[in-house]
């Protein structure tokens, strides 16, 4: 990496979360959960697309938002396929409950009128649902 690592502040985390939401809407991808941390992001997306493409597109759109703020992503990341309803539920729980203090988060909620649950820094997402 040519630039020093950086940590996302609250406003930058919200920019990234909004870019992820916009990308998923534009691509017609079902975003089940997202958690933007200071140094990384976790997402659970239900779509028939290779996870490497999902990561590429989400990082691209998020980078555009961050570049306006003169920040850049690292070039690497990890991806996983989730094959069962249980693995999806476990991934959502990991993303929202196992990352420490909640920061900029998103949880898809099929029972609400809007279908979404947003949280900003230091708030707690509404109860987790089985996304299948």
N, C-alpha and C. Protein backbone atom coordinates (compact mmCIF):
# COMPACT_ATOMS: atom_id res chain seq x y z
N UNK A 1 0.84 -1.17 0.00
CA UNK A 1 0.00 0.00 0.00
C UNK A 1 0.89 1.24 0.00
N UNK A 2 0.61 2.17 -0.87
CA UNK A 2 1.45 3.36 -0.95
C UNK A 2 1.07 4.40 0.09
N UNK A 3 -0.16 4.39 0.58
CA UNK A 3 -0.61 5.33 1.60
C UNK A 3 -0.64 4.66 2.96
N UNK A 4 -0.52 5.47 3.99
CA UNK A 4 -0.63 4.95 5.35
C UNK A 4 -2.05 4.47 5.61
N UNK A 5 -2.22 3.41 6.43
CA UNK A 5 -3.57 2.97 6.79
C UNK A 5 -4.31 4.10 7.51
N UNK A 6 -5.62 4.10 7.37
CA UNK A 6 -6.42 5.13 8.03
C UNK A 6 -7.61 4.47 8.69
N UNK A 7 -8.20 5.19 9.62
CA UNK A 7 -9.42 4.71 10.28
C UNK A 7 -10.57 5.60 9.85
N UNK A 8 -11.70 4.96 9.55
CA UNK A 8 -12.89 5.71 9.16
C UNK A 8 -13.51 6.35 10.39
N UNK A 9 -13.78 7.63 10.27
CA UNK A 9 -14.52 8.34 11.32
C UNK A 9 -16.01 8.12 11.09
N UNK A 10 -16.83 8.57 12.02
CA UNK A 10 -18.27 8.32 11.95
C UNK A 10 -18.88 8.77 10.63
N UNK A 11 -18.55 9.97 10.18
CA UNK A 11 -19.12 10.48 8.93
C UNK A 11 -18.67 9.64 7.73
N UNK A 12 -17.43 9.19 7.74
CA UNK A 12 -16.93 8.35 6.66
C UNK A 12 -17.59 6.98 6.67
N UNK A 13 -17.82 6.43 7.85
CA UNK A 13 -18.51 5.14 7.95
C UNK A 13 -19.91 5.25 7.37
N UNK A 14 -20.58 6.36 7.64
CA UNK A 14 -21.91 6.56 7.09
C UNK A 14 -21.87 6.70 5.57
N UNK A 15 -20.84 7.38 5.04
CA UNK A 15 -20.67 7.48 3.59
C UNK A 15 -20.54 6.09 2.96
N UNK A 16 -19.72 5.26 3.58
CA UNK A 16 -19.51 3.90 3.06
C UNK A 16 -20.81 3.10 3.14
N UNK A 17 -21.51 3.18 4.26
CA UNK A 17 -22.78 2.46 4.39
C UNK A 17 -23.77 2.91 3.33
N UNK A 18 -23.87 4.21 3.10
CA UNK A 18 -24.77 4.71 2.07
C UNK A 18 -24.36 4.23 0.69
N UNK A 19 -23.06 4.18 0.41
CA UNK A 19 -22.58 3.68 -0.88
C UNK A 19 -22.92 2.21 -1.06
N UNK A 20 -22.81 1.43 0.00
CA UNK A 20 -23.17 0.01 -0.05
C UNK A 20 -24.66 -0.14 -0.33
N UNK A 21 -25.49 0.62 0.37
CA UNK A 21 -26.94 0.58 0.14
C UNK A 21 -27.28 0.97 -1.29
N UNK A 22 -26.66 2.04 -1.78
CA UNK A 22 -26.91 2.49 -3.16
C UNK A 22 -26.50 1.43 -4.18
N UNK A 23 -25.35 0.82 -3.96
CA UNK A 23 -24.86 -0.20 -4.89
C UNK A 23 -25.81 -1.38 -4.93
N UNK A 24 -26.24 -1.83 -3.77
CA UNK A 24 -27.15 -2.98 -3.72
C UNK A 24 -28.49 -2.66 -4.38
N UNK A 25 -29.00 -1.47 -4.16
CA UNK A 25 -30.24 -1.07 -4.83
C UNK A 25 -30.05 -1.03 -6.35
N UNK A 26 -28.96 -0.41 -6.79
CA UNK A 26 -28.68 -0.28 -8.22
C UNK A 26 -28.51 -1.65 -8.88
N UNK A 27 -27.81 -2.55 -8.21
CA UNK A 27 -27.56 -3.89 -8.77
C UNK A 27 -28.71 -4.86 -8.50
N UNK A 28 -29.70 -4.42 -7.74
CA UNK A 28 -30.83 -5.27 -7.35
C UNK A 28 -30.37 -6.48 -6.54
N UNK A 29 -29.43 -6.22 -5.61
CA UNK A 29 -28.91 -7.24 -4.71
C UNK A 29 -29.63 -7.11 -3.37
N UNK A 30 -29.91 -8.23 -2.74
CA UNK A 30 -30.57 -8.23 -1.43
C UNK A 30 -29.50 -8.13 -0.34
N UNK A 31 -29.34 -6.93 0.20
CA UNK A 31 -28.41 -6.72 1.31
C UNK A 31 -29.12 -7.12 2.59
N UNK A 32 -28.59 -8.15 3.28
CA UNK A 32 -29.20 -8.63 4.51
C UNK A 32 -28.64 -7.94 5.74
N UNK A 33 -27.34 -7.64 5.71
CA UNK A 33 -26.73 -6.97 6.85
C UNK A 33 -25.43 -6.31 6.40
N UNK A 34 -25.09 -5.22 7.06
CA UNK A 34 -23.82 -4.54 6.83
C UNK A 34 -23.37 -3.89 8.13
N UNK A 35 -22.07 -3.88 8.33
CA UNK A 35 -21.49 -3.23 9.50
C UNK A 35 -20.18 -2.59 9.06
N UNK A 36 -20.15 -1.28 9.03
CA UNK A 36 -18.96 -0.54 8.64
C UNK A 36 -18.20 -0.20 9.92
N UNK A 37 -17.00 -0.74 10.03
CA UNK A 37 -16.15 -0.53 11.20
C UNK A 37 -15.11 0.55 10.88
N UNK A 38 -14.24 0.85 11.81
CA UNK A 38 -13.23 1.88 11.58
C UNK A 38 -12.21 1.45 10.54
N UNK A 39 -11.91 0.15 10.44
CA UNK A 39 -10.84 -0.30 9.54
C UNK A 39 -11.29 -1.34 8.52
N UNK A 40 -12.54 -1.78 8.58
CA UNK A 40 -13.03 -2.77 7.64
C UNK A 40 -14.55 -2.78 7.62
N UNK A 41 -15.10 -3.56 6.68
CA UNK A 41 -16.55 -3.64 6.49
C UNK A 41 -16.96 -5.10 6.39
N UNK A 42 -18.10 -5.44 6.97
CA UNK A 42 -18.70 -6.75 6.80
C UNK A 42 -20.06 -6.57 6.13
N UNK A 43 -20.38 -7.42 5.15
CA UNK A 43 -21.69 -7.42 4.52
C UNK A 43 -22.15 -8.85 4.31
N UNK A 44 -23.48 -9.02 4.32
CA UNK A 44 -24.10 -10.29 3.93
C UNK A 44 -25.08 -9.93 2.83
N UNK A 45 -24.86 -10.50 1.64
CA UNK A 45 -25.66 -10.19 0.47
C UNK A 45 -26.21 -11.49 -0.09
N UNK A 46 -27.52 -11.52 -0.37
CA UNK A 46 -28.17 -12.69 -0.96
C UNK A 46 -28.38 -12.42 -2.44
N UNK A 47 -27.48 -12.98 -3.26
CA UNK A 47 -27.54 -12.77 -4.71
C UNK A 47 -26.72 -13.86 -5.39
N UNK A 48 -27.10 -14.21 -6.60
CA UNK A 48 -26.40 -15.24 -7.35
C UNK A 48 -25.26 -14.61 -8.16
N UNK A 49 -24.30 -14.04 -7.45
CA UNK A 49 -23.14 -13.38 -8.04
C UNK A 49 -21.93 -13.83 -7.23
N UNK A 50 -20.80 -14.08 -7.87
CA UNK A 50 -19.61 -14.47 -7.10
C UNK A 50 -19.25 -13.41 -6.06
N UNK A 51 -18.87 -13.83 -4.86
CA UNK A 51 -18.57 -12.86 -3.80
C UNK A 51 -17.43 -11.91 -4.17
N UNK A 52 -16.51 -12.37 -5.02
CA UNK A 52 -15.43 -11.49 -5.44
C UNK A 52 -15.97 -10.28 -6.22
N UNK A 53 -16.99 -10.51 -7.02
CA UNK A 53 -17.61 -9.39 -7.76
C UNK A 53 -18.34 -8.46 -6.80
N UNK A 54 -19.03 -9.03 -5.84
CA UNK A 54 -19.73 -8.22 -4.84
C UNK A 54 -18.73 -7.31 -4.12
N UNK A 55 -17.62 -7.91 -3.66
CA UNK A 55 -16.62 -7.13 -2.96
C UNK A 55 -16.06 -6.04 -3.87
N UNK A 56 -15.75 -6.38 -5.10
CA UNK A 56 -15.21 -5.40 -6.05
C UNK A 56 -16.17 -4.23 -6.24
N UNK A 57 -17.43 -4.53 -6.51
CA UNK A 57 -18.40 -3.46 -6.76
C UNK A 57 -18.64 -2.60 -5.53
N UNK A 58 -18.78 -3.24 -4.36
CA UNK A 58 -19.01 -2.46 -3.15
C UNK A 58 -17.81 -1.58 -2.82
N UNK A 59 -16.61 -2.12 -3.01
CA UNK A 59 -15.41 -1.30 -2.75
C UNK A 59 -15.29 -0.17 -3.76
N UNK A 60 -15.65 -0.43 -5.01
CA UNK A 60 -15.57 0.61 -6.04
C UNK A 60 -16.49 1.78 -5.72
N UNK A 61 -17.75 1.47 -5.42
CA UNK A 61 -18.71 2.53 -5.10
C UNK A 61 -18.32 3.24 -3.80
N UNK A 62 -17.87 2.48 -2.82
CA UNK A 62 -17.46 3.09 -1.56
C UNK A 62 -16.22 3.95 -1.74
N UNK A 63 -15.31 3.50 -2.61
CA UNK A 63 -14.10 4.28 -2.87
C UNK A 63 -14.44 5.62 -3.49
N UNK A 64 -15.41 5.63 -4.39
CA UNK A 64 -15.81 6.91 -4.98
C UNK A 64 -16.27 7.88 -3.90
N UNK A 65 -17.06 7.36 -2.97
CA UNK A 65 -17.54 8.21 -1.87
C UNK A 65 -16.37 8.67 -1.00
N UNK A 66 -15.46 7.76 -0.68
CA UNK A 66 -14.32 8.12 0.16
C UNK A 66 -13.33 9.02 -0.56
N UNK A 67 -13.17 8.82 -1.86
CA UNK A 67 -12.22 9.65 -2.61
C UNK A 67 -12.60 11.12 -2.55
N UNK A 68 -13.89 11.38 -2.45
CA UNK A 68 -14.30 12.77 -2.27
C UNK A 68 -13.76 13.32 -0.96
N UNK A 69 -13.48 12.38 -0.03
CA UNK A 69 -12.92 12.74 1.27
C UNK A 69 -11.41 12.43 1.32
N UNK A 70 -10.82 12.12 0.15
CA UNK A 70 -9.40 11.83 -0.01
C UNK A 70 -8.92 10.63 0.81
N UNK A 71 -9.68 9.57 0.84
CA UNK A 71 -9.29 8.34 1.51
C UNK A 71 -9.34 7.20 0.50
N UNK A 72 -8.58 6.13 0.75
CA UNK A 72 -8.54 4.98 -0.15
C UNK A 72 -8.64 3.68 0.63
N UNK A 73 -9.19 2.68 -0.02
CA UNK A 73 -9.28 1.33 0.54
C UNK A 73 -7.98 0.58 0.36
N UNK A 74 -7.79 -0.42 1.17
CA UNK A 74 -6.73 -1.40 0.91
C UNK A 74 -7.15 -2.24 -0.29
N UNK A 75 -6.22 -2.90 -0.94
CA UNK A 75 -6.51 -3.67 -2.14
C UNK A 75 -7.05 -5.07 -1.87
N UNK A 76 -6.95 -5.55 -0.68
CA UNK A 76 -7.36 -6.93 -0.42
C UNK A 76 -8.69 -6.99 0.32
N UNK A 77 -9.17 -8.19 0.53
CA UNK A 77 -10.40 -8.43 1.26
C UNK A 77 -10.67 -9.92 1.24
N UNK A 78 -11.65 -10.37 2.01
CA UNK A 78 -11.99 -11.79 1.98
C UNK A 78 -13.46 -11.95 1.61
N UNK A 79 -13.75 -13.08 0.99
CA UNK A 79 -15.11 -13.38 0.55
C UNK A 79 -15.45 -14.81 0.93
N UNK A 80 -16.74 -15.08 1.14
CA UNK A 80 -17.20 -16.43 1.46
C UNK A 80 -18.54 -16.68 0.81
N UNK A 81 -18.74 -17.91 0.37
CA UNK A 81 -20.04 -18.35 -0.10
C UNK A 81 -20.84 -18.85 1.10
N UNK A 82 -22.12 -18.52 1.13
CA UNK A 82 -23.02 -18.98 2.19
C UNK A 82 -24.07 -19.86 1.54
N UNK A 83 -24.03 -21.16 1.80
CA UNK A 83 -24.85 -22.12 1.07
C UNK A 83 -26.15 -22.50 1.77
N UNK A 84 -26.24 -22.29 3.08
CA UNK A 84 -27.42 -22.75 3.81
C UNK A 84 -28.07 -21.59 4.56
N UNK A 85 -29.36 -21.73 4.87
CA UNK A 85 -30.01 -20.69 5.69
C UNK A 85 -29.29 -20.47 7.02
N UNK A 86 -28.80 -21.55 7.62
CA UNK A 86 -28.08 -21.44 8.89
C UNK A 86 -26.79 -20.64 8.72
N UNK A 87 -26.07 -20.85 7.62
CA UNK A 87 -24.83 -20.10 7.42
C UNK A 87 -25.11 -18.62 7.19
N UNK A 88 -26.24 -18.31 6.56
CA UNK A 88 -26.62 -16.91 6.35
C UNK A 88 -26.95 -16.26 7.69
N UNK A 89 -27.76 -16.94 8.50
CA UNK A 89 -28.11 -16.41 9.82
C UNK A 89 -26.87 -16.22 10.67
N UNK A 90 -25.96 -17.19 10.65
CA UNK A 90 -24.72 -17.07 11.43
C UNK A 90 -23.87 -15.90 10.94
N UNK A 91 -23.83 -15.68 9.63
CA UNK A 91 -23.05 -14.57 9.09
C UNK A 91 -23.65 -13.23 9.50
N UNK A 92 -24.98 -13.12 9.46
CA UNK A 92 -25.64 -11.88 9.88
C UNK A 92 -25.34 -11.61 11.35
N UNK A 93 -25.45 -12.63 12.19
CA UNK A 93 -25.15 -12.45 13.61
C UNK A 93 -23.70 -12.03 13.83
N UNK A 94 -22.78 -12.66 13.10
CA UNK A 94 -21.38 -12.30 13.22
C UNK A 94 -21.16 -10.83 12.83
N UNK A 95 -21.75 -10.42 11.72
CA UNK A 95 -21.57 -9.06 11.23
C UNK A 95 -22.11 -8.04 12.22
N UNK A 96 -23.26 -8.31 12.80
CA UNK A 96 -23.90 -7.30 13.65
C UNK A 96 -23.61 -7.44 15.14
N UNK A 97 -23.29 -8.65 15.61
CA UNK A 97 -23.15 -8.85 17.05
C UNK A 97 -21.74 -9.18 17.51
N UNK A 98 -20.86 -9.58 16.63
CA UNK A 98 -19.54 -10.06 17.05
C UNK A 98 -18.41 -9.13 16.64
N UNK A 99 -18.71 -7.87 16.36
CA UNK A 99 -17.69 -6.93 15.91
C UNK A 99 -17.40 -5.83 16.92
N UNK A 100 -17.87 -6.00 18.13
CA UNK A 100 -17.67 -4.95 19.12
C UNK A 100 -18.80 -3.94 19.07
N UNK A 101 -18.53 -2.76 19.58
CA UNK A 101 -19.53 -1.70 19.64
C UNK A 101 -20.12 -1.45 18.25
N UNK A 102 -21.46 -1.46 18.11
CA UNK A 102 -22.05 -1.18 16.80
C UNK A 102 -21.64 0.19 16.28
N UNK A 103 -21.35 0.23 14.99
CA UNK A 103 -21.01 1.48 14.34
C UNK A 103 -22.07 1.73 13.28
N UNK A 104 -21.72 2.00 12.05
CA UNK A 104 -22.71 2.22 10.99
C UNK A 104 -23.18 0.85 10.51
N UNK A 105 -24.42 0.50 10.82
CA UNK A 105 -24.93 -0.84 10.51
C UNK A 105 -26.22 -0.78 9.72
N UNK A 106 -26.53 -1.91 9.11
CA UNK A 106 -27.77 -2.09 8.35
C UNK A 106 -28.24 -3.51 8.58
N UNK A 107 -29.54 -3.68 8.75
CA UNK A 107 -30.15 -5.00 8.89
C UNK A 107 -31.44 -5.02 8.10
N UNK A 108 -31.54 -5.95 7.17
CA UNK A 108 -32.78 -6.13 6.42
C UNK A 108 -33.81 -6.73 7.35
N UNK A 109 -35.01 -6.15 7.37
CA UNK A 109 -36.09 -6.63 8.23
C UNK A 109 -37.34 -6.82 7.38
N UNK A 110 -37.66 -8.07 7.02
CA UNK A 110 -38.79 -8.30 6.12
C UNK A 110 -40.15 -7.98 6.75
N UNK A 111 -40.21 -7.84 8.08
CA UNK A 111 -41.49 -7.60 8.75
C UNK A 111 -41.84 -6.12 8.86
N UNK A 112 -40.90 -5.23 8.57
CA UNK A 112 -41.22 -3.80 8.68
C UNK A 112 -41.72 -3.28 7.34
N UNK A 113 -42.46 -2.19 7.37
CA UNK A 113 -42.99 -1.61 6.14
C UNK A 113 -41.88 -1.19 5.20
N UNK A 114 -40.85 -0.54 5.71
CA UNK A 114 -39.74 -0.09 4.87
C UNK A 114 -38.77 -1.20 4.55
N UNK A 115 -38.80 -2.28 5.34
CA UNK A 115 -37.92 -3.40 5.09
C UNK A 115 -36.50 -3.22 5.58
N UNK A 116 -36.18 -2.09 6.21
CA UNK A 116 -34.81 -1.83 6.58
C UNK A 116 -34.71 -1.38 8.03
N UNK A 117 -33.55 -1.60 8.61
CA UNK A 117 -33.25 -1.11 9.94
C UNK A 117 -31.83 -0.53 9.90
N UNK A 118 -31.72 0.77 10.13
CA UNK A 118 -30.42 1.43 10.08
C UNK A 118 -29.99 1.79 11.49
N UNK A 119 -28.69 1.74 11.71
CA UNK A 119 -28.14 2.20 12.98
C UNK A 119 -26.91 3.03 12.69
N UNK A 120 -26.71 4.04 13.50
CA UNK A 120 -25.49 4.83 13.40
C UNK A 120 -24.61 4.49 14.58
N UNK A 121 -23.48 5.12 14.70
CA UNK A 121 -22.53 4.81 15.76
C UNK A 121 -23.19 4.79 17.13
N UNK A 122 -22.78 3.78 17.90
CA UNK A 122 -23.19 3.62 19.30
C UNK A 122 -24.67 3.32 19.49
N UNK A 123 -25.35 2.87 18.46
CA UNK A 123 -26.73 2.43 18.64
C UNK A 123 -26.78 0.91 18.42
N UNK A 124 -27.87 0.33 18.77
CA UNK A 124 -28.01 -1.12 18.66
C UNK A 124 -29.05 -1.45 17.62
N UNK A 125 -28.74 -2.37 16.68
CA UNK A 125 -29.75 -2.72 15.67
C UNK A 125 -30.93 -3.41 16.32
N UNK A 126 -32.08 -3.29 15.68
CA UNK A 126 -33.25 -4.00 16.17
C UNK A 126 -33.00 -5.50 16.09
N UNK A 127 -33.82 -6.29 16.76
CA UNK A 127 -33.61 -7.73 16.84
C UNK A 127 -33.32 -8.38 15.51
N UNK A 128 -32.41 -9.32 15.52
CA UNK A 128 -32.05 -10.03 14.31
C UNK A 128 -33.20 -10.92 13.87
N UNK A 129 -33.31 -11.07 12.58
CA UNK A 129 -34.34 -11.93 12.02
C UNK A 129 -33.67 -13.02 11.22
N UNK A 130 -34.37 -14.11 11.00
CA UNK A 130 -33.87 -15.14 10.12
C UNK A 130 -34.06 -14.65 8.70
N UNK A 131 -32.99 -14.39 7.95
CA UNK A 131 -33.12 -13.77 6.64
C UNK A 131 -33.64 -14.68 5.55
N UNK A 132 -33.97 -15.92 5.86
CA UNK A 132 -34.45 -16.82 4.81
C UNK A 132 -35.93 -17.03 4.93
